[in-house]
PDB file of all heavy atoms in Angstrom:
ATOM      1  N   ARG A   1     296.148  74.440 191.553  1.00  0.00           N
ATOM      2  CA  ARG A   1     295.845  74.715 192.957  1.00  0.00           C
ATOM      3  C   ARG A   1     294.739  75.758 193.055  1.00  0.00           C
ATOM      4  O   ARG A   1     294.803  76.817 192.462  1.00  0.00           O
ATOM      5  CB  ARG A   1     297.069  75.251 193.682  1.00  0.00           C
ATOM      6  CG  ARG A   1     296.766  75.602 195.153  1.00  0.00           C
ATOM      7  CD  ARG A   1     297.856  76.403 195.784  1.00  0.00           C
ATOM      8  NE  ARG A   1     297.870  77.736 195.186  1.00  0.00           N
ATOM      9  CZ  ARG A   1     298.629  78.718 195.607  1.00  0.00           C
ATOM     10  NH1 ARG A   1     299.452  78.544 196.605  1.00  0.00           N
ATOM     11  NH2 ARG A   1     298.589  79.901 195.022  1.00  0.00           N
ATOM     12  N   TYR A   2     293.720  75.429 193.826  1.00  0.00           N
ATOM     13  CA  TYR A   2     292.681  76.388 194.197  1.00  0.00           C
ATOM     14  C   TYR A   2     292.933  76.735 195.654  1.00  0.00           C
ATOM     15  O   TYR A   2     293.068  75.840 196.491  1.00  0.00           O
ATOM     16  CB  TYR A   2     291.279  75.789 194.035  1.00  0.00           C
ATOM     17  CG  TYR A   2     290.893  75.590 192.596  1.00  0.00           C
ATOM     18  CD1 TYR A   2     291.279  74.443 191.916  1.00  0.00           C
ATOM     19  CD2 TYR A   2     290.163  76.557 191.920  1.00  0.00           C
ATOM     20  CE1 TYR A   2     290.935  74.265 190.584  1.00  0.00           C
ATOM     21  CE2 TYR A   2     289.813  76.381 190.592  1.00  0.00           C
ATOM     22  CZ  TYR A   2     290.211  75.235 189.936  1.00  0.00           C
ATOM     23  OH  TYR A   2     289.873  75.052 188.619  1.00  0.00           O
ATOM     24  N   ILE A   3     293.011  78.031 195.954  1.00  0.00           N
ATOM     25  CA  ILE A   3     293.295  78.471 197.309  1.00  0.00           C
ATOM     26  C   ILE A   3     292.258  79.498 197.745  1.00  0.00           C
ATOM     27  O   ILE A   3     291.872  80.373 196.966  1.00  0.00           O
ATOM     28  CB  ILE A   3     294.731  79.039 197.430  1.00  0.00           C
ATOM     29  CG1 ILE A   3     295.078  79.376 198.872  1.00  0.00           C
ATOM     30  CG2 ILE A   3     294.929  80.236 196.528  1.00  0.00           C
ATOM     31  CD1 ILE A   3     296.564  79.662 199.094  1.00  0.00           C
ATOM     32  N   ARG A   4     291.792  79.341 198.974  1.00  0.00           N
ATOM     33  CA  ARG A   4     290.798  80.267 199.520  1.00  0.00           C
ATOM     34  C   ARG A   4     291.489  81.605 199.773  1.00  0.00           C
ATOM     35  O   ARG A   4     292.434  81.689 200.547  1.00  0.00           O
ATOM     36  CB  ARG A   4     290.224  79.707 200.818  1.00  0.00           C
ATOM     37  CG  ARG A   4     289.084  80.545 201.381  1.00  0.00           C
ATOM     38  CD  ARG A   4     288.602  80.018 202.723  1.00  0.00           C
ATOM     39  NE  ARG A   4     288.069  78.667 202.671  1.00  0.00           N
ATOM     40  CZ  ARG A   4     286.786  78.374 202.432  1.00  0.00           C
ATOM     41  NH1 ARG A   4     285.913  79.338 202.221  1.00  0.00           N
ATOM     42  NH2 ARG A   4     286.385  77.116 202.411  1.00  0.00           N
ATOM     43  N   HIS A   5     290.973  82.629 199.109  1.00  0.00           N
ATOM     44  CA  HIS A   5     291.524  83.977 199.275  1.00  0.00           C
ATOM     45  C   HIS A   5     290.836  84.676 200.440  1.00  0.00           C
ATOM     46  O   HIS A   5     291.452  85.382 201.211  1.00  0.00           O
ATOM     47  CB  HIS A   5     291.363  84.760 197.970  1.00  0.00           C
ATOM     48  CG  HIS A   5     291.916  86.130 198.009  1.00  0.00           C
ATOM     49  ND1 HIS A   5     293.249  86.396 198.189  1.00  0.00           N
ATOM     50  CD2 HIS A   5     291.311  87.329 197.902  1.00  0.00           C
ATOM     51  CE1 HIS A   5     293.442  87.689 198.186  1.00  0.00           C
ATOM     52  NE2 HIS A   5     292.290  88.280 198.018  1.00  0.00           N
ATOM     53  N   ASP A   6     289.572  84.509 200.546  1.00  0.00           N
ATOM     54  CA  ASP A   6     288.780  84.971 201.685  1.00  0.00           C
ATOM     55  C   ASP A   6     287.574  84.040 201.785  1.00  0.00           C
ATOM     56  O   ASP A   6     287.543  83.006 201.135  1.00  0.00           O
ATOM     57  CB  ASP A   6     288.378  86.447 201.556  1.00  0.00           C
ATOM     58  CG  ASP A   6     287.584  86.748 200.298  1.00  0.00           C
ATOM     59  OD1 ASP A   6     286.754  85.909 199.887  1.00  0.00           O
ATOM     60  OD2 ASP A   6     287.771  87.814 199.708  1.00  0.00           O
ATOM     61  N   ASP A   7     286.596  84.386 202.579  1.00  0.00           N
ATOM     62  CA  ASP A   7     285.475  83.466 202.783  1.00  0.00           C
ATOM     63  C   ASP A   7     284.701  83.148 201.510  1.00  0.00           C
ATOM     64  O   ASP A   7     284.108  82.085 201.400  1.00  0.00           O
ATOM     65  CB  ASP A   7     284.504  84.031 203.826  1.00  0.00           C
ATOM     66  CG  ASP A   7     285.069  83.910 205.228  1.00  0.00           C
ATOM     67  OD1 ASP A   7     285.994  83.099 205.428  1.00  0.00           O
ATOM     68  OD2 ASP A   7     284.584  84.625 206.114  1.00  0.00           O
ATOM     69  N   GLU A   8     284.689  84.046 200.545  1.00  0.00           N
ATOM     70  CA  GLU A   8     283.872  83.859 199.343  1.00  0.00           C
ATOM     71  C   GLU A   8     284.670  83.602 198.074  1.00  0.00           C
ATOM     72  O   GLU A   8     284.134  83.083 197.108  1.00  0.00           O
ATOM     73  CB  GLU A   8     282.988  85.100 199.129  1.00  0.00           C
ATOM     74  CG  GLU A   8     282.009  85.361 200.262  1.00  0.00           C
ATOM     75  CD  GLU A   8     280.990  84.254 200.427  1.00  0.00           C
ATOM     76  OE1 GLU A   8     280.520  83.709 199.408  1.00  0.00           O
ATOM     77  OE2 GLU A   8     280.685  83.910 201.583  1.00  0.00           O
ATOM     78  N   GLU A   9     285.928  83.979 198.053  1.00  0.00           N
ATOM     79  CA  GLU A   9     286.685  83.951 196.804  1.00  0.00           C
ATOM     80  C   GLU A   9     287.816  82.916 196.846  1.00  0.00           C
ATOM     81  O   GLU A   9     288.550  82.826 197.814  1.00  0.00           O
ATOM     82  CB  GLU A   9     287.284  85.338 196.539  1.00  0.00           C
ATOM     83  CG  GLU A   9     288.000  85.446 195.224  1.00  0.00           C
ATOM     84  CD  GLU A   9     288.540  86.848 194.978  1.00  0.00           C
ATOM     85  OE1 GLU A   9     288.350  87.732 195.815  1.00  0.00           O
ATOM     86  OE2 GLU A   9     289.166  87.038 193.927  1.00  0.00           O
ATOM     87  N   TRP A  10     287.893  82.143 195.772  1.00  0.00           N
ATOM     88  CA  TRP A  10     288.976  81.187 195.591  1.00  0.00           C
ATOM     89  C   TRP A  10     289.747  81.596 194.346  1.00  0.00           C
ATOM     90  O   TRP A  10     289.164  82.027 193.354  1.00  0.00           O
ATOM     91  CB  TRP A  10     288.422  79.784 195.416  1.00  0.00           C
ATOM     92  CG  TRP A  10     287.893  79.169 196.671  1.00  0.00           C
ATOM     93  CD1 TRP A  10     286.774  79.535 197.357  1.00  0.00           C
ATOM     94  CD2 TRP A  10     288.455  78.081 197.384  1.00  0.00           C
ATOM     95  NE1 TRP A  10     286.600  78.737 198.447  1.00  0.00           N
ATOM     96  CE2 TRP A  10     287.616  77.828 198.486  1.00  0.00           C
ATOM     97  CE3 TRP A  10     289.576  77.286 197.194  1.00  0.00           C
ATOM     98  CZ2 TRP A  10     287.884  76.817 199.406  1.00  0.00           C
ATOM     99  CZ3 TRP A  10     289.825  76.267 198.102  1.00  0.00           C
ATOM    100  CH2 TRP A  10     288.993  76.048 199.192  1.00  0.00           C
ATOM    101  N   MET A  11     291.062  81.450 194.394  1.00  0.00           N
ATOM    102  CA  MET A  11     291.909  81.760 193.248  1.00  0.00           C
ATOM    103  C   MET A  11     292.583  80.475 192.800  1.00  0.00           C
ATOM    104  O   MET A  11     292.901  79.617 193.619  1.00  0.00           O
ATOM    105  CB  MET A  11     292.946  82.808 193.629  1.00  0.00           C
ATOM    106  CG  MET A  11     292.307  84.106 194.110  1.00  0.00           C
ATOM    107  SD  MET A  11     293.516  85.291 194.690  1.00  0.00           S
ATOM    108  CE  MET A  11     294.233  85.777 193.126  1.00  0.00           C
ATOM    109  N   ASP A  12     292.790  80.350 191.482  1.00  0.00           N
ATOM    110  CA  ASP A  12     293.464  79.152 190.991  1.00  0.00           C
ATOM    111  C   ASP A  12     294.758  79.512 190.290  1.00  0.00           C
ATOM    112  O   ASP A  12     294.909  80.593 189.734  1.00  0.00           O
ATOM    113  CB  ASP A  12     292.548  78.324 190.088  1.00  0.00           C
ATOM    114  CG  ASP A  12     292.262  78.976 188.760  1.00  0.00           C
ATOM    115  OD1 ASP A  12     291.942  80.172 188.753  1.00  0.00           O
ATOM    116  OD2 ASP A  12     292.361  78.280 187.741  1.00  0.00           O
ATOM    117  N   THR A  13     295.686  78.572 190.370  1.00  0.00           N
ATOM    118  CA  THR A  13     297.008  78.719 189.782  1.00  0.00           C
ATOM    119  C   THR A  13     297.418  77.387 189.198  1.00  0.00           C
ATOM    120  O   THR A  13     297.248  76.345 189.836  1.00  0.00           O
ATOM    121  CB  THR A  13     298.044  79.112 190.862  1.00  0.00           C
ATOM    122  OG1 THR A  13     297.612  80.271 191.534  1.00  0.00           O
ATOM    123  CG2 THR A  13     299.405  79.363 190.247  1.00  0.00           C
ATOM    124  N   ASP A  14     297.968  77.421 187.987  1.00  0.00           N
ATOM    125  CA  ASP A  14     298.547  76.225 187.375  1.00  0.00           C
ATOM    126  C   ASP A  14     300.046  76.244 187.628  1.00  0.00           C
ATOM    127  O   ASP A  14     300.711  77.261 187.404  1.00  0.00           O
ATOM    128  CB  ASP A  14     298.331  76.223 185.857  1.00  0.00           C
ATOM    129  CG  ASP A  14     296.998  75.649 185.456  1.00  0.00           C
ATOM    130  OD1 ASP A  14     296.375  74.974 186.276  1.00  0.00           O
ATOM    131  OD2 ASP A  14     296.587  75.872 184.312  1.00  0.00           O
ATOM    132  N   VAL A  15     300.569  75.128 188.063  1.00  0.00           N
ATOM    133  CA  VAL A  15     302.010  74.982 188.235  1.00  0.00           C
ATOM    134  C   VAL A  15     302.432  73.828 187.344  1.00  0.00           C
ATOM    135  O   VAL A  15     301.873  72.727 187.427  1.00  0.00           O
ATOM    136  CB  VAL A  15     302.370  74.719 189.710  1.00  0.00           C
ATOM    137  CG1 VAL A  15     303.868  74.562 189.865  1.00  0.00           C
ATOM    138  CG2 VAL A  15     301.850  75.846 190.594  1.00  0.00           C
ATOM    139  N   VAL A  16     303.394  74.100 186.469  1.00  0.00           N
ATOM    140  CA  VAL A  16     303.758  73.134 185.434  1.00  0.00           C
ATOM    141  C   VAL A  16     305.272  72.973 185.387  1.00  0.00           C
ATOM    142  O   VAL A  16     306.015  73.942 185.517  1.00  0.00           O
ATOM    143  CB  VAL A  16     303.251  73.615 184.053  1.00  0.00           C
ATOM    144  CG1 VAL A  16     303.615  72.624 182.962  1.00  0.00           C
ATOM    145  CG2 VAL A  16     301.757  73.863 184.079  1.00  0.00           C
ATOM    146  N   GLY A  17     305.709  71.744 185.177  1.00  0.00           N
ATOM    147  CA  GLY A  17     307.121  71.478 184.893  1.00  0.00           C
ATOM    148  C   GLY A  17     307.965  71.142 186.104  1.00  0.00           C
ATOM    149  O   GLY A  17     307.579  71.348 187.250  1.00  0.00           O
ATOM    150  N   ILE A  18     309.131  70.640 185.817  1.00  0.00           N
ATOM    151  CA  ILE A  18     310.017  70.106 186.855  1.00  0.00           C
ATOM    152  C   ILE A  18     310.449  71.155 187.868  1.00  0.00           C
ATOM    153  O   ILE A  18     310.694  70.845 189.030  1.00  0.00           O
ATOM    154  CB  ILE A  18     311.243  69.412 186.229  1.00  0.00           C
ATOM    155  CG1 ILE A  18     311.937  68.543 187.263  1.00  0.00           C
ATOM    156  CG2 ILE A  18     312.195  70.435 185.616  1.00  0.00           C
ATOM    157  CD1 ILE A  18     312.829  67.494 186.687  1.00  0.00           C
ATOM    158  N   GLY A  19     310.499  72.417 187.481  1.00  0.00           N
ATOM    159  CA  GLY A  19     310.896  73.475 188.416  1.00  0.00           C
ATOM    160  C   GLY A  19     309.732  74.071 189.192  1.00  0.00           C
ATOM    161  O   GLY A  19     309.925  74.955 190.021  1.00  0.00           O
ATOM    162  N   GLY A  20     308.530  73.558 188.964  1.00  0.00           N
ATOM    163  CA  GLY A  20     307.346  74.117 189.605  1.00  0.00           C
ATOM    164  C   GLY A  20     307.307  73.873 191.110  1.00  0.00           C
ATOM    165  O   GLY A  20     307.742  72.834 191.596  1.00  0.00           O
ATOM    166  N   VAL A  21     306.770  74.873 191.813  1.00  0.00           N
ATOM    167  CA  VAL A  21     306.661  74.806 193.267  1.00  0.00           C
ATOM    168  C   VAL A  21     305.280  75.302 193.658  1.00  0.00           C
ATOM    169  O   VAL A  21     304.796  76.307 193.130  1.00  0.00           O
ATOM    170  CB  VAL A  21     307.738  75.682 193.938  1.00  0.00           C
ATOM    171  CG1 VAL A  21     307.549  75.732 195.437  1.00  0.00           C
ATOM    172  CG2 VAL A  21     309.132  75.179 193.595  1.00  0.00           C
ATOM    173  N   ILE A  22     304.638  74.593 194.588  1.00  0.00           N
ATOM    174  CA  ILE A  22     303.317  74.979 195.078  1.00  0.00           C
ATOM    175  C   ILE A  22     303.420  75.265 196.564  1.00  0.00           C
ATOM    176  O   ILE A  22     303.872  74.417 197.338  1.00  0.00           O
ATOM    177  CB  ILE A  22     302.275  73.861 194.857  1.00  0.00           C
ATOM    178  CG1 ILE A  22     302.078  73.634 193.370  1.00  0.00           C
ATOM    179  CG2 ILE A  22     300.952  74.199 195.533  1.00  0.00           C
ATOM    180  CD1 ILE A  22     301.127  72.512 193.060  1.00  0.00           C
ATOM    181  N   ASP A  23     302.992  76.453 196.946  1.00  0.00           N
ATOM    182  CA  ASP A  23     302.963  76.839 198.348  1.00  0.00           C
ATOM    183  C   ASP A  23     301.592  76.492 198.919  1.00  0.00           C
ATOM    184  O   ASP A  23     300.566  76.827 198.328  1.00  0.00           O
ATOM    185  CB  ASP A  23     303.235  78.347 198.470  1.00  0.00           C
ATOM    186  CG  ASP A  23     303.317  78.795 199.907  1.00  0.00           C
ATOM    187  OD1 ASP A  23     303.710  78.000 200.781  1.00  0.00           O
ATOM    188  OD2 ASP A  23     302.983  79.966 200.174  1.00  0.00           O
ATOM    189  N   LEU A  24     301.565  75.806 200.045  1.00  0.00           N
ATOM    190  CA  LEU A  24     300.334  75.480 200.758  1.00  0.00           C
ATOM    191  C   LEU A  24     300.414  76.151 202.132  1.00  0.00           C
ATOM    192  O   LEU A  24     300.802  75.524 203.127  1.00  0.00           O
ATOM    193  CB  LEU A  24     300.162  73.967 200.892  1.00  0.00           C
ATOM    194  CG  LEU A  24     300.115  73.195 199.573  1.00  0.00           C
ATOM    195  CD1 LEU A  24     300.129  71.701 199.819  1.00  0.00           C
ATOM    196  CD2 LEU A  24     298.899  73.601 198.769  1.00  0.00           C
ATOM    197  N   PRO A  25     300.057  77.424 202.195  1.00  0.00           N
ATOM    198  CA  PRO A  25     300.248  78.172 203.444  1.00  0.00           C
ATOM    199  C   PRO A  25     299.428  77.658 204.623  1.00  0.00           C
ATOM    200  O   PRO A  25     299.842  77.790 205.763  1.00  0.00           O
ATOM    201  CB  PRO A  25     299.853  79.611 203.075  1.00  0.00           C
ATOM    202  CG  PRO A  25     299.044  79.503 201.842  1.00  0.00           C
ATOM    203  CD  PRO A  25     299.505  78.261 201.134  1.00  0.00           C
ATOM    204  N   SER A  26     298.300  77.038 204.354  1.00  0.00           N
ATOM    205  CA  SER A  26     297.461  76.569 205.463  1.00  0.00           C
ATOM    206  C   SER A  26     298.120  75.460 206.273  1.00  0.00           C
ATOM    207  O   SER A  26     297.796  75.252 207.444  1.00  0.00           O
ATOM    208  CB  SER A  26     296.100  76.101 204.956  1.00  0.00           C
ATOM    209  OG  SER A  26     296.233  74.917 204.208  1.00  0.00           O
TER     210      SER A  26
END
């Protein structure tokens, strides 16, 4: 997941495995 942190910066996170959860706040 790549998520916009602010207008210029994006942060990425890997989520792996059956217990993984991804939050999509937008």
